[in-house]
Amino acid sequence: MAPDGSSLLFPILGVLLSNALYFSPLPAIVRAHTHGALGVLNPLPQALMVLSTNAWICYALAVPNGFILCSNLPGAIASVAFVVITLPLIPREAVATRFQVQLVLVVGTGASLSLWTCLIFYQLDHAARCFWLGAYGSALCVLLFASPLSTMREVLATSNAASIYAPLTIAQCTNCLMWTIYGFSIGDVWVWGPNSTGLGLGVVQLTLKLV
């Protein structure tokens, strides 16, 4: 039976909002590239975006789910471009920030390759592979949604929330709301679980920004 319009509404909106989320840093990235400086832009979410989108592409291909694939494929390409642009712009004195980004990329890549090695050589069945790919994607998704809060101590200490990028936070909240609804409708915990968590984290960030 073909899906009706109402069942397609939330996943289609989810695809559009996911891409809006992933491309929301674009103006800040272009501005940083133009001026040759990051300014208040936090580069950590871009690094986590690379890992998260690639993990969800793997899960989407395993399930398979075209909506999840379309919501992450453009972001996977964009996030690599964002990291390539922003990494050289991290100031030399910002040693901790540079190390965080580099650590995320190297450890994340190693974790992804190790996961696939285990899935193949342990000869896990399809259901087990989907479970572990979903769990891994969910963990990275939550880390991505929480990453803007890496500057929370600075925000609270200085009463300045400039490091929390408002377009990204708003896109996160609306995107997570749509995917939470869709996840419940198809009964996929790996969809509604991380996105409901991301919605809560987005609300925290938005509250800090507003305050």
N, C-alpha and C. Protein backbone atom coordinates (compact mmCIF):
# COMPACT_ATOMS: atom_id res chain seq x y z
N MET A 1 0.85 -1.19 0.00
CA MET A 1 0.00 0.00 0.00
C MET A 1 0.88 1.24 0.00
N ALA A 2 0.62 2.17 -0.88
CA ALA A 2 1.42 3.39 -0.98
C ALA A 2 1.14 4.29 0.22
N PRO A 3 2.13 4.96 0.75
CA PRO A 3 1.94 5.85 1.88
C PRO A 3 1.11 7.06 1.47
N ASP A 4 0.22 7.50 2.37
CA ASP A 4 -0.59 8.67 2.05
C ASP A 4 0.19 9.94 2.35
N GLY A 5 -0.44 11.08 1.99
CA GLY A 5 0.24 12.36 2.14
C GLY A 5 0.59 12.68 3.57
N SER A 6 -0.29 12.31 4.51
CA SER A 6 -0.04 12.65 5.91
C SER A 6 1.17 11.90 6.46
N SER A 7 1.36 10.62 6.00
CA SER A 7 2.50 9.84 6.49
C SER A 7 3.81 10.32 5.90
N LEU A 8 3.74 11.04 4.77
CA LEU A 8 4.94 11.55 4.13
C LEU A 8 5.32 12.95 4.61
N LEU A 9 4.37 13.63 5.24
CA LEU A 9 4.58 15.03 5.61
C LEU A 9 5.78 15.21 6.53
N PHE A 10 5.81 14.48 7.64
CA PHE A 10 6.86 14.69 8.63
C PHE A 10 8.24 14.26 8.12
N PRO A 11 8.38 13.11 7.43
CA PRO A 11 9.72 12.78 6.92
C PRO A 11 10.21 13.76 5.85
N ILE A 12 9.29 14.27 5.01
CA ILE A 12 9.71 15.25 4.00
C ILE A 12 10.14 16.54 4.67
N LEU A 13 9.36 16.98 5.66
CA LEU A 13 9.77 18.17 6.43
C LEU A 13 11.09 17.89 7.16
N GLY A 14 11.24 16.66 7.64
CA GLY A 14 12.48 16.30 8.34
C GLY A 14 13.69 16.39 7.42
N VAL A 15 13.53 15.95 6.18
CA VAL A 15 14.62 16.04 5.20
C VAL A 15 15.00 17.50 4.96
N LEU A 16 13.98 18.33 4.75
CA LEU A 16 14.24 19.76 4.49
C LEU A 16 14.88 20.44 5.70
N LEU A 17 14.38 20.13 6.89
CA LEU A 17 14.90 20.77 8.10
C LEU A 17 16.30 20.25 8.45
N SER A 18 16.57 18.97 8.18
CA SER A 18 17.91 18.44 8.43
C SER A 18 18.94 19.16 7.57
N ASN A 19 18.59 19.35 6.30
CA ASN A 19 19.51 20.06 5.42
C ASN A 19 19.64 21.53 5.82
N ALA A 20 18.53 22.11 6.31
CA ALA A 20 18.60 23.48 6.82
C ALA A 20 19.52 23.55 8.03
N LEU A 21 19.47 22.51 8.88
CA LEU A 21 20.35 22.45 10.05
C LEU A 21 21.81 22.37 9.62
N TYR A 22 22.11 21.47 8.70
CA TYR A 22 23.50 21.26 8.30
C TYR A 22 24.08 22.45 7.54
N PHE A 23 23.23 23.17 6.81
CA PHE A 23 23.72 24.31 6.04
C PHE A 23 23.57 25.65 6.77
N SER A 24 22.98 25.63 7.97
CA SER A 24 22.78 26.88 8.71
C SER A 24 24.09 27.59 9.08
N PRO A 25 25.22 26.86 9.28
CA PRO A 25 26.47 27.60 9.57
C PRO A 25 27.10 28.24 8.34
N LEU A 26 26.52 28.01 7.15
CA LEU A 26 27.17 28.48 5.91
C LEU A 26 27.48 29.98 5.92
N PRO A 27 26.55 30.87 6.31
CA PRO A 27 26.89 32.30 6.32
C PRO A 27 28.08 32.62 7.23
N ALA A 28 28.12 31.96 8.40
CA ALA A 28 29.24 32.20 9.33
C ALA A 28 30.54 31.64 8.77
N ILE A 29 30.46 30.50 8.07
CA ILE A 29 31.65 29.91 7.46
C ILE A 29 32.18 30.82 6.36
N VAL A 30 31.28 31.32 5.52
CA VAL A 30 31.69 32.23 4.44
C VAL A 30 32.31 33.50 5.01
N ARG A 31 31.70 34.02 6.09
CA ARG A 31 32.22 35.24 6.72
C ARG A 31 33.61 34.98 7.31
N ALA A 32 33.80 33.84 7.94
CA ALA A 32 35.11 33.49 8.51
C ALA A 32 36.15 33.34 7.41
N HIS A 33 35.76 32.70 6.33
CA HIS A 33 36.70 32.51 5.20
C HIS A 33 37.08 33.85 4.58
N THR A 34 36.09 34.74 4.46
CA THR A 34 36.33 36.05 3.86
C THR A 34 37.28 36.89 4.70
N HIS A 35 37.08 36.86 6.02
CA HIS A 35 37.90 37.68 6.92
C HIS A 35 39.16 36.96 7.39
N GLY A 36 39.27 35.68 7.10
CA GLY A 36 40.45 34.93 7.51
C GLY A 36 40.53 34.72 9.01
N ALA A 37 39.39 34.71 9.68
CA ALA A 37 39.35 34.53 11.13
C ALA A 37 38.02 33.91 11.54
N LEU A 38 38.05 33.02 12.56
CA LEU A 38 36.83 32.37 13.01
C LEU A 38 35.89 33.33 13.74
N GLY A 39 36.45 34.29 14.44
CA GLY A 39 35.61 35.14 15.28
C GLY A 39 35.06 34.33 16.43
N VAL A 40 33.72 34.38 16.63
CA VAL A 40 33.10 33.63 17.72
C VAL A 40 32.60 32.27 17.26
N LEU A 41 32.84 31.90 16.00
CA LEU A 41 32.36 30.63 15.48
C LEU A 41 33.05 29.46 16.17
N ASN A 42 32.26 28.52 16.69
CA ASN A 42 32.77 27.32 17.34
C ASN A 42 32.96 26.23 16.29
N PRO A 43 34.20 25.78 16.02
CA PRO A 43 34.43 24.81 14.94
C PRO A 43 34.12 23.36 15.33
N LEU A 44 33.91 23.09 16.61
CA LEU A 44 33.70 21.72 17.05
C LEU A 44 32.46 21.07 16.43
N PRO A 45 31.31 21.77 16.37
CA PRO A 45 30.13 21.14 15.76
C PRO A 45 30.35 20.70 14.31
N GLN A 46 31.19 21.42 13.56
CA GLN A 46 31.43 21.04 12.17
C GLN A 46 32.16 19.70 12.10
N ALA A 47 33.11 19.48 13.00
CA ALA A 47 33.85 18.21 13.03
C ALA A 47 32.92 17.05 13.39
N LEU A 48 32.07 17.26 14.39
CA LEU A 48 31.13 16.22 14.79
C LEU A 48 30.08 15.97 13.71
N MET A 49 29.76 17.01 12.94
CA MET A 49 28.80 16.87 11.85
C MET A 49 29.32 15.89 10.79
N VAL A 50 30.62 15.92 10.53
CA VAL A 50 31.22 15.00 9.57
C VAL A 50 30.96 13.55 9.99
N LEU A 51 31.22 13.26 11.26
CA LEU A 51 31.06 11.89 11.77
C LEU A 51 29.60 11.49 11.85
N SER A 52 28.76 12.40 12.34
CA SER A 52 27.35 12.08 12.54
C SER A 52 26.64 11.81 11.22
N THR A 53 26.84 12.67 10.23
CA THR A 53 26.16 12.48 8.95
C THR A 53 26.61 11.19 8.27
N ASN A 54 27.89 10.88 8.33
CA ASN A 54 28.38 9.65 7.72
C ASN A 54 27.84 8.41 8.44
N ALA A 55 27.71 8.49 9.77
CA ALA A 55 27.15 7.38 10.53
C ALA A 55 25.69 7.15 10.16
N TRP A 56 24.94 8.23 9.98
CA TRP A 56 23.52 8.09 9.63
C TRP A 56 23.34 7.62 8.19
N ILE A 57 24.26 7.97 7.31
CA ILE A 57 24.21 7.45 5.94
C ILE A 57 24.37 5.92 5.97
N CYS A 58 25.31 5.45 6.78
CA CYS A 58 25.51 4.00 6.91
C CYS A 58 24.25 3.32 7.44
N TYR A 59 23.62 3.92 8.44
CA TYR A 59 22.39 3.34 9.01
C TYR A 59 21.27 3.36 7.98
N ALA A 60 21.14 4.47 7.25
CA ALA A 60 20.08 4.60 6.24
C ALA A 60 20.23 3.56 5.14
N LEU A 61 21.47 3.28 4.74
CA LEU A 61 21.70 2.27 3.71
C LEU A 61 21.46 0.86 4.24
N ALA A 62 21.69 0.65 5.52
CA ALA A 62 21.50 -0.68 6.11
C ALA A 62 20.02 -0.99 6.33
N VAL A 63 19.21 0.02 6.69
CA VAL A 63 17.82 -0.26 7.09
C VAL A 63 16.96 -0.84 5.97
N PRO A 64 16.80 -0.30 4.77
CA PRO A 64 17.20 1.02 4.28
C PRO A 64 16.07 2.04 4.46
N ASN A 65 16.44 3.34 4.47
CA ASN A 65 15.46 4.41 4.63
C ASN A 65 15.93 5.61 3.80
N GLY A 66 15.21 5.89 2.73
CA GLY A 66 15.59 6.97 1.82
C GLY A 66 15.49 8.34 2.43
N PHE A 67 14.55 8.51 3.37
CA PHE A 67 14.39 9.82 4.01
C PHE A 67 15.62 10.16 4.86
N ILE A 68 16.10 9.19 5.62
CA ILE A 68 17.29 9.41 6.44
C ILE A 68 18.50 9.66 5.56
N LEU A 69 18.59 8.93 4.44
CA LEU A 69 19.70 9.11 3.52
C LEU A 69 19.71 10.53 2.95
N CYS A 70 18.55 10.98 2.45
CA CYS A 70 18.47 12.31 1.83
C CYS A 70 18.67 13.44 2.83
N SER A 71 18.40 13.17 4.10
CA SER A 71 18.56 14.20 5.11
C SER A 71 20.00 14.34 5.59
N ASN A 72 20.87 13.39 5.22
CA ASN A 72 22.25 13.42 5.70
C ASN A 72 23.31 13.52 4.61
N LEU A 73 23.00 13.07 3.39
CA LEU A 73 23.99 13.06 2.32
C LEU A 73 24.51 14.46 1.97
N PRO A 74 23.63 15.46 1.76
CA PRO A 74 24.15 16.80 1.48
C PRO A 74 24.96 17.36 2.65
N GLY A 75 24.50 17.08 3.88
CA GLY A 75 25.21 17.56 5.06
C GLY A 75 26.58 16.94 5.21
N ALA A 76 26.72 15.68 4.80
CA ALA A 76 28.02 15.02 4.88
C ALA A 76 29.04 15.72 4.00
N ILE A 77 28.61 16.10 2.81
CA ILE A 77 29.51 16.80 1.88
C ILE A 77 29.82 18.20 2.39
N ALA A 78 28.77 18.90 2.85
CA ALA A 78 28.95 20.28 3.34
C ALA A 78 29.84 20.32 4.57
N SER A 79 29.67 19.37 5.48
CA SER A 79 30.44 19.39 6.73
C SER A 79 31.93 19.19 6.48
N VAL A 80 32.28 18.36 5.50
CA VAL A 80 33.70 18.19 5.15
C VAL A 80 34.27 19.52 4.65
N ALA A 81 33.50 20.20 3.80
CA ALA A 81 33.93 21.50 3.30
C ALA A 81 34.09 22.51 4.44
N PHE A 82 33.16 22.50 5.39
CA PHE A 82 33.23 23.43 6.52
C PHE A 82 34.48 23.20 7.36
N VAL A 83 34.82 21.93 7.60
CA VAL A 83 36.00 21.61 8.39
C VAL A 83 37.27 22.02 7.65
N VAL A 84 37.32 21.74 6.36
CA VAL A 84 38.48 22.11 5.56
C VAL A 84 38.71 23.62 5.60
N ILE A 85 37.62 24.38 5.62
CA ILE A 85 37.73 25.84 5.64
C ILE A 85 38.11 26.36 7.02
N THR A 86 37.48 25.82 8.07
CA THR A 86 37.65 26.39 9.41
C THR A 86 38.90 25.93 10.14
N LEU A 87 39.36 24.72 9.88
CA LEU A 87 40.52 24.20 10.63
C LEU A 87 41.75 25.09 10.51
N PRO A 88 42.10 25.59 9.31
CA PRO A 88 43.28 26.47 9.23
C PRO A 88 43.08 27.84 9.89
N LEU A 89 41.81 28.17 10.19
CA LEU A 89 41.52 29.49 10.76
C LEU A 89 41.55 29.50 12.28
N ILE A 90 41.71 28.32 12.90
CA ILE A 90 41.80 28.27 14.36
C ILE A 90 43.11 28.93 14.79
N PRO A 91 43.05 29.95 15.64
CA PRO A 91 44.28 30.67 16.04
C PRO A 91 45.30 29.74 16.69
N ARG A 92 46.58 30.06 16.50
CA ARG A 92 47.64 29.25 17.09
C ARG A 92 47.53 29.16 18.60
N GLU A 93 47.07 30.25 19.22
CA GLU A 93 46.97 30.25 20.68
C GLU A 93 45.80 29.42 21.19
N ALA A 94 44.85 29.09 20.32
CA ALA A 94 43.70 28.28 20.72
C ALA A 94 44.06 26.80 20.61
N VAL A 95 45.04 26.38 21.38
CA VAL A 95 45.57 25.01 21.29
C VAL A 95 44.50 23.98 21.64
N ALA A 96 43.73 24.26 22.69
CA ALA A 96 42.71 23.31 23.15
C ALA A 96 41.63 23.10 22.09
N THR A 97 41.21 24.19 21.46
CA THR A 97 40.18 24.09 20.43
C THR A 97 40.66 23.28 19.24
N ARG A 98 41.88 23.57 18.79
CA ARG A 98 42.45 22.83 17.66
C ARG A 98 42.58 21.34 18.00
N PHE A 99 43.03 21.05 19.22
CA PHE A 99 43.20 19.66 19.63
C PHE A 99 41.86 18.94 19.67
N GLN A 100 40.82 19.61 20.17
CA GLN A 100 39.49 19.01 20.22
C GLN A 100 39.00 18.60 18.84
N VAL A 101 39.13 19.51 17.89
CA VAL A 101 38.67 19.24 16.53
C VAL A 101 39.46 18.09 15.91
N GLN A 102 40.78 18.12 16.05
CA GLN A 102 41.62 17.07 15.49
C GLN A 102 41.33 15.72 16.15
N LEU A 103 41.14 15.74 17.47
CA LEU A 103 40.85 14.50 18.21
C LEU A 103 39.53 13.89 17.76
N VAL A 104 38.52 14.73 17.60
CA VAL A 104 37.20 14.26 17.16
C VAL A 104 37.30 13.58 15.80
N LEU A 105 38.00 14.21 14.88
CA LEU A 105 38.10 13.66 13.52
C LEU A 105 38.87 12.35 13.49
N VAL A 106 40.00 12.30 14.20
CA VAL A 106 40.85 11.10 14.17
C VAL A 106 40.20 9.94 14.93
N VAL A 107 39.75 10.20 16.16
CA VAL A 107 39.13 9.14 16.97
C VAL A 107 37.83 8.69 16.33
N GLY A 108 37.05 9.64 15.83
CA GLY A 108 35.77 9.30 15.20
C GLY A 108 35.97 8.43 13.97
N THR A 109 36.94 8.76 13.15
CA THR A 109 37.23 7.94 11.97
C THR A 109 37.66 6.53 12.38
N GLY A 110 38.52 6.45 13.39
CA GLY A 110 38.96 5.15 13.89
C GLY A 110 37.81 4.33 14.44
N ALA A 111 36.90 4.99 15.16
CA ALA A 111 35.75 4.28 15.73
C ALA A 111 34.83 3.75 14.63
N SER A 112 34.60 4.56 13.60
CA SER A 112 33.73 4.13 12.49
C SER A 112 34.31 2.92 11.77
N LEU A 113 35.59 2.96 11.47
CA LEU A 113 36.24 1.85 10.77
C LEU A 113 36.28 0.60 11.65
N SER A 114 36.49 0.80 12.94
CA SER A 114 36.52 -0.35 13.87
C SER A 114 35.15 -0.99 13.97
N LEU A 115 34.10 -0.17 14.00
CA LEU A 115 32.74 -0.69 14.07
C LEU A 115 32.43 -1.56 12.85
N TRP A 116 32.73 -1.05 11.67
CA TRP A 116 32.46 -1.81 10.46
C TRP A 116 33.30 -3.09 10.41
N THR A 117 34.53 -3.04 10.89
CA THR A 117 35.37 -4.24 10.93
C THR A 117 34.73 -5.32 11.79
N CYS A 118 34.23 -4.92 12.95
CA CYS A 118 33.58 -5.88 13.85
C CYS A 118 32.29 -6.43 13.25
N LEU A 119 31.49 -5.54 12.63
CA LEU A 119 30.22 -5.98 12.06
C LEU A 119 30.44 -7.02 10.96
N ILE A 120 31.48 -6.84 10.16
CA ILE A 120 31.73 -7.75 9.04
C ILE A 120 32.38 -9.05 9.51
N PHE A 121 33.45 -8.96 10.30
CA PHE A 121 34.21 -10.15 10.65
C PHE A 121 33.53 -11.02 11.71
N TYR A 122 32.62 -10.40 12.52
CA TYR A 122 31.84 -11.21 13.45
C TYR A 122 30.61 -11.79 12.79
N GLN A 123 30.40 -11.45 11.52
CA GLN A 123 29.31 -11.99 10.71
C GLN A 123 27.95 -11.82 11.38
N LEU A 124 27.71 -10.62 11.87
CA LEU A 124 26.43 -10.33 12.50
C LEU A 124 25.33 -10.29 11.45
N ASP A 125 24.12 -10.68 11.85
CA ASP A 125 23.01 -10.66 10.90
C ASP A 125 22.53 -9.23 10.66
N HIS A 126 21.59 -9.09 9.75
CA HIS A 126 21.14 -7.76 9.34
C HIS A 126 20.58 -6.96 10.51
N ALA A 127 19.76 -7.59 11.34
CA ALA A 127 19.14 -6.89 12.46
C ALA A 127 20.19 -6.37 13.44
N ALA A 128 21.20 -7.20 13.71
CA ALA A 128 22.25 -6.81 14.64
C ALA A 128 23.09 -5.67 14.07
N ARG A 129 23.37 -5.74 12.78
CA ARG A 129 24.13 -4.65 12.14
C ARG A 129 23.36 -3.34 12.23
N CYS A 130 22.07 -3.38 11.94
CA CYS A 130 21.24 -2.17 12.02
C CYS A 130 21.21 -1.62 13.44
N PHE A 131 21.15 -2.54 14.42
CA PHE A 131 21.13 -2.10 15.82
C PHE A 131 22.39 -1.31 16.16
N TRP A 132 23.57 -1.88 15.85
CA TRP A 132 24.82 -1.22 16.23
C TRP A 132 25.07 0.04 15.42
N LEU A 133 24.68 0.04 14.16
CA LEU A 133 24.83 1.26 13.36
C LEU A 133 23.90 2.36 13.87
N GLY A 134 22.69 1.96 14.29
CA GLY A 134 21.76 2.93 14.86
C GLY A 134 22.24 3.48 16.19
N ALA A 135 22.79 2.59 17.02
CA ALA A 135 23.31 3.02 18.31
C ALA A 135 24.48 3.99 18.14
N TYR A 136 25.37 3.66 17.21
CA TYR A 136 26.54 4.51 16.96
C TYR A 136 26.11 5.87 16.39
N GLY A 137 25.21 5.84 15.43
CA GLY A 137 24.71 7.09 14.86
C GLY A 137 24.00 7.95 15.90
N SER A 138 23.25 7.31 16.78
CA SER A 138 22.53 8.05 17.82
C SER A 138 23.50 8.72 18.79
N ALA A 139 24.56 7.99 19.17
CA ALA A 139 25.55 8.55 20.10
C ALA A 139 26.22 9.78 19.49
N LEU A 140 26.60 9.68 18.22
CA LEU A 140 27.23 10.82 17.55
C LEU A 140 26.25 11.98 17.38
N CYS A 141 25.00 11.63 17.13
CA CYS A 141 23.97 12.66 16.95
C CYS A 141 23.80 13.48 18.24
N VAL A 142 23.75 12.79 19.36
CA VAL A 142 23.62 13.49 20.64
C VAL A 142 24.84 14.36 20.91
N LEU A 143 26.03 13.83 20.60
CA LEU A 143 27.25 14.63 20.78
C LEU A 143 27.22 15.88 19.89
N LEU A 144 26.73 15.71 18.66
CA LEU A 144 26.63 16.86 17.75
C LEU A 144 25.69 17.91 18.32
N PHE A 145 24.53 17.48 18.80
CA PHE A 145 23.55 18.43 19.32
C PHE A 145 24.03 19.10 20.60
N ALA A 146 24.89 18.40 21.35
CA ALA A 146 25.39 18.96 22.61
C ALA A 146 26.64 19.80 22.42
N SER A 147 27.30 19.68 21.25
CA SER A 147 28.61 20.32 21.06
C SER A 147 28.60 21.84 21.20
N PRO A 148 27.54 22.57 20.81
CA PRO A 148 27.57 24.02 21.06
C PRO A 148 27.68 24.37 22.54
N LEU A 149 27.29 23.42 23.41
CA LEU A 149 27.37 23.68 24.85
C LEU A 149 28.79 23.52 25.38
N SER A 150 29.74 23.19 24.50
CA SER A 150 31.14 23.10 24.92
C SER A 150 31.67 24.45 25.40
N THR A 151 31.00 25.50 25.00
CA THR A 151 31.41 26.85 25.43
C THR A 151 30.49 27.38 26.55
N MET A 152 29.69 26.50 27.16
CA MET A 152 28.71 26.95 28.14
C MET A 152 29.38 27.62 29.34
N ARG A 153 30.53 27.09 29.79
CA ARG A 153 31.22 27.70 30.93
C ARG A 153 31.59 29.14 30.62
N GLU A 154 32.08 29.36 29.40
CA GLU A 154 32.43 30.72 28.98
C GLU A 154 31.20 31.60 28.89
N VAL A 155 30.10 31.03 28.38
CA VAL A 155 28.85 31.78 28.26
C VAL A 155 28.37 32.24 29.62
N LEU A 156 28.39 31.32 30.60
CA LEU A 156 27.91 31.66 31.94
C LEU A 156 28.85 32.64 32.65
N ALA A 157 30.17 32.47 32.41
CA ALA A 157 31.15 33.32 33.09
C ALA A 157 31.14 34.75 32.56
N THR A 158 30.90 34.88 31.25
CA THR A 158 30.97 36.21 30.63
C THR A 158 29.61 36.82 30.36
N SER A 159 28.53 36.02 30.58
CA SER A 159 27.16 36.46 30.23
C SER A 159 27.08 36.88 28.76
N ASN A 160 27.83 36.15 27.92
CA ASN A 160 27.87 36.45 26.50
C ASN A 160 27.68 35.13 25.74
N ALA A 161 26.58 35.02 25.01
CA ALA A 161 26.24 33.78 24.31
C ALA A 161 26.54 33.88 22.81
N ALA A 162 27.50 34.72 22.44
CA ALA A 162 27.82 34.88 21.02
C ALA A 162 28.34 33.59 20.39
N SER A 163 28.96 32.71 21.20
CA SER A 163 29.51 31.46 20.67
C SER A 163 28.42 30.44 20.33
N ILE A 164 27.19 30.66 20.82
CA ILE A 164 26.07 29.80 20.46
C ILE A 164 25.41 30.41 19.23
N TYR A 165 25.53 29.72 18.09
CA TYR A 165 25.08 30.27 16.82
C TYR A 165 23.57 30.08 16.69
N ALA A 166 22.83 31.19 16.74
CA ALA A 166 21.37 31.15 16.79
C ALA A 166 20.73 30.40 15.63
N PRO A 167 21.11 30.64 14.36
CA PRO A 167 20.47 29.89 13.26
C PRO A 167 20.63 28.38 13.41
N LEU A 168 21.81 27.94 13.86
CA LEU A 168 22.04 26.51 14.05
C LEU A 168 21.15 25.96 15.17
N THR A 169 21.00 26.72 16.25
CA THR A 169 20.19 26.28 17.38
C THR A 169 18.71 26.19 17.01
N ILE A 170 18.20 27.19 16.30
CA ILE A 170 16.80 27.18 15.88
C ILE A 170 16.55 26.03 14.91
N ALA A 171 17.47 25.83 13.97
CA ALA A 171 17.33 24.72 13.02
C ALA A 171 17.36 23.39 13.75
N GLN A 172 18.20 23.28 14.78
CA GLN A 172 18.28 22.04 15.55
C GLN A 172 16.95 21.73 16.23
N CYS A 173 16.35 22.72 16.85
CA CYS A 173 15.08 22.51 17.57
C CYS A 173 13.97 22.07 16.63
N THR A 174 13.80 22.78 15.52
CA THR A 174 12.73 22.43 14.59
C THR A 174 12.99 21.10 13.90
N ASN A 175 14.24 20.85 13.54
CA ASN A 175 14.59 19.59 12.89
C ASN A 175 14.36 18.41 13.84
N CYS A 176 14.80 18.53 15.07
CA CYS A 176 14.65 17.44 16.03
C CYS A 176 13.18 17.17 16.34
N LEU A 177 12.37 18.21 16.36
CA LEU A 177 10.94 18.03 16.61
C LEU A 177 10.31 17.19 15.51
N MET A 178 10.61 17.50 14.25
CA MET A 178 10.05 16.74 13.13
C MET A 178 10.49 15.29 13.15
N TRP A 179 11.79 15.05 13.40
CA TRP A 179 12.30 13.68 13.38
C TRP A 179 11.83 12.89 14.59
N THR A 180 11.58 13.57 15.71
CA THR A 180 11.02 12.88 16.87
C THR A 180 9.62 12.37 16.56
N ILE A 181 8.82 13.22 15.93
CA ILE A 181 7.46 12.82 15.56
C ILE A 181 7.50 11.66 14.55
N TYR A 182 8.38 11.78 13.55
CA TYR A 182 8.49 10.73 12.54
C TYR A 182 9.01 9.43 13.16
N GLY A 183 9.99 9.54 14.06
CA GLY A 183 10.53 8.36 14.71
C GLY A 183 9.48 7.59 15.50
N PHE A 184 8.61 8.32 16.21
CA PHE A 184 7.53 7.67 16.95
C PHE A 184 6.54 7.02 15.99
N SER A 185 6.28 7.67 14.85
CA SER A 185 5.30 7.15 13.90
C SER A 185 5.74 5.84 13.25
N ILE A 186 7.06 5.64 13.07
CA ILE A 186 7.55 4.40 12.47
C ILE A 186 8.11 3.44 13.53
N GLY A 187 8.09 3.86 14.78
CA GLY A 187 8.54 3.01 15.88
C GLY A 187 10.02 2.72 15.86
N ASP A 188 10.83 3.69 15.44
CA ASP A 188 12.28 3.51 15.38
C ASP A 188 12.94 4.32 16.49
N VAL A 189 13.42 3.61 17.51
CA VAL A 189 14.02 4.28 18.67
C VAL A 189 15.27 5.04 18.28
N TRP A 190 15.98 4.57 17.24
CA TRP A 190 17.21 5.25 16.82
C TRP A 190 16.90 6.56 16.09
N VAL A 191 15.65 6.78 15.76
CA VAL A 191 15.25 8.06 15.16
C VAL A 191 14.71 9.00 16.23
N TRP A 192 13.70 8.53 17.01
CA TRP A 192 13.10 9.44 17.98
C TRP A 192 13.97 9.62 19.22
N GLY A 193 14.81 8.63 19.56
CA GLY A 193 15.62 8.74 20.77
C GLY A 193 16.61 9.89 20.74
N PRO A 194 17.56 9.89 19.78
CA PRO A 194 18.54 10.99 19.75
C PRO A 194 17.94 12.33 19.41
N ASN A 195 16.85 12.31 18.61
CA ASN A 195 16.26 13.60 18.22
C ASN A 195 15.46 14.23 19.35
N SER A 196 14.83 13.43 20.19
CA SER A 196 14.15 14.01 21.35
C SER A 196 15.18 14.57 22.33
N THR A 197 16.32 13.87 22.46
CA THR A 197 17.41 14.40 23.29
C THR A 197 17.96 15.68 22.70
N GLY A 198 18.14 15.69 21.36
CA GLY A 198 18.62 16.89 20.68
C GLY A 198 17.67 18.07 20.83
N LEU A 199 16.38 17.77 20.85
CA LEU A 199 15.40 18.83 21.05
C LEU A 199 15.58 19.46 22.43
N GLY A 200 15.76 18.63 23.45
CA GLY A 200 15.99 19.16 24.80
C GLY A 200 17.25 19.97 24.89
N LEU A 201 18.33 19.48 24.27
CA LEU A 201 19.60 20.21 24.28
C LEU A 201 19.48 21.52 23.52
N GLY A 202 18.73 21.51 22.43
CA GLY A 202 18.51 22.73 21.66
C GLY A 202 17.76 23.78 22.45
N VAL A 203 16.78 23.33 23.22
CA VAL A 203 16.01 24.25 24.06
C VAL A 203 16.92 24.89 25.11
N VAL A 204 17.84 24.09 25.67
CA VAL A 204 18.80 24.64 26.65
C VAL A 204 19.66 25.73 26.00
N GLN A 205 20.17 25.44 24.80
CA GLN A 205 21.00 26.41 24.10
C GLN A 205 20.22 27.66 23.75
N LEU A 206 18.99 27.47 23.29
CA LEU A 206 18.16 28.61 22.92
C LEU A 206 17.84 29.47 24.14
N THR A 207 17.62 28.81 25.29
CA THR A 207 17.36 29.54 26.52
C THR A 207 18.57 30.38 26.93
N LEU A 208 19.76 29.79 26.85
CA LEU A 208 20.98 30.53 27.15
C LEU A 208 21.13 31.73 26.22
N LYS A 209 20.82 31.51 24.95
CA LYS A 209 20.95 32.58 23.97
C LYS A 209 19.98 33.71 24.28
N LEU A 210 18.75 33.36 24.61
CA LEU A 210 17.74 34.38 24.90
C LEU A 210 18.05 35.14 26.18
N VAL A 211 18.52 34.41 27.19
CA VAL A 211 18.84 35.04 28.47
C VAL A 211 20.05 35.96 28.34
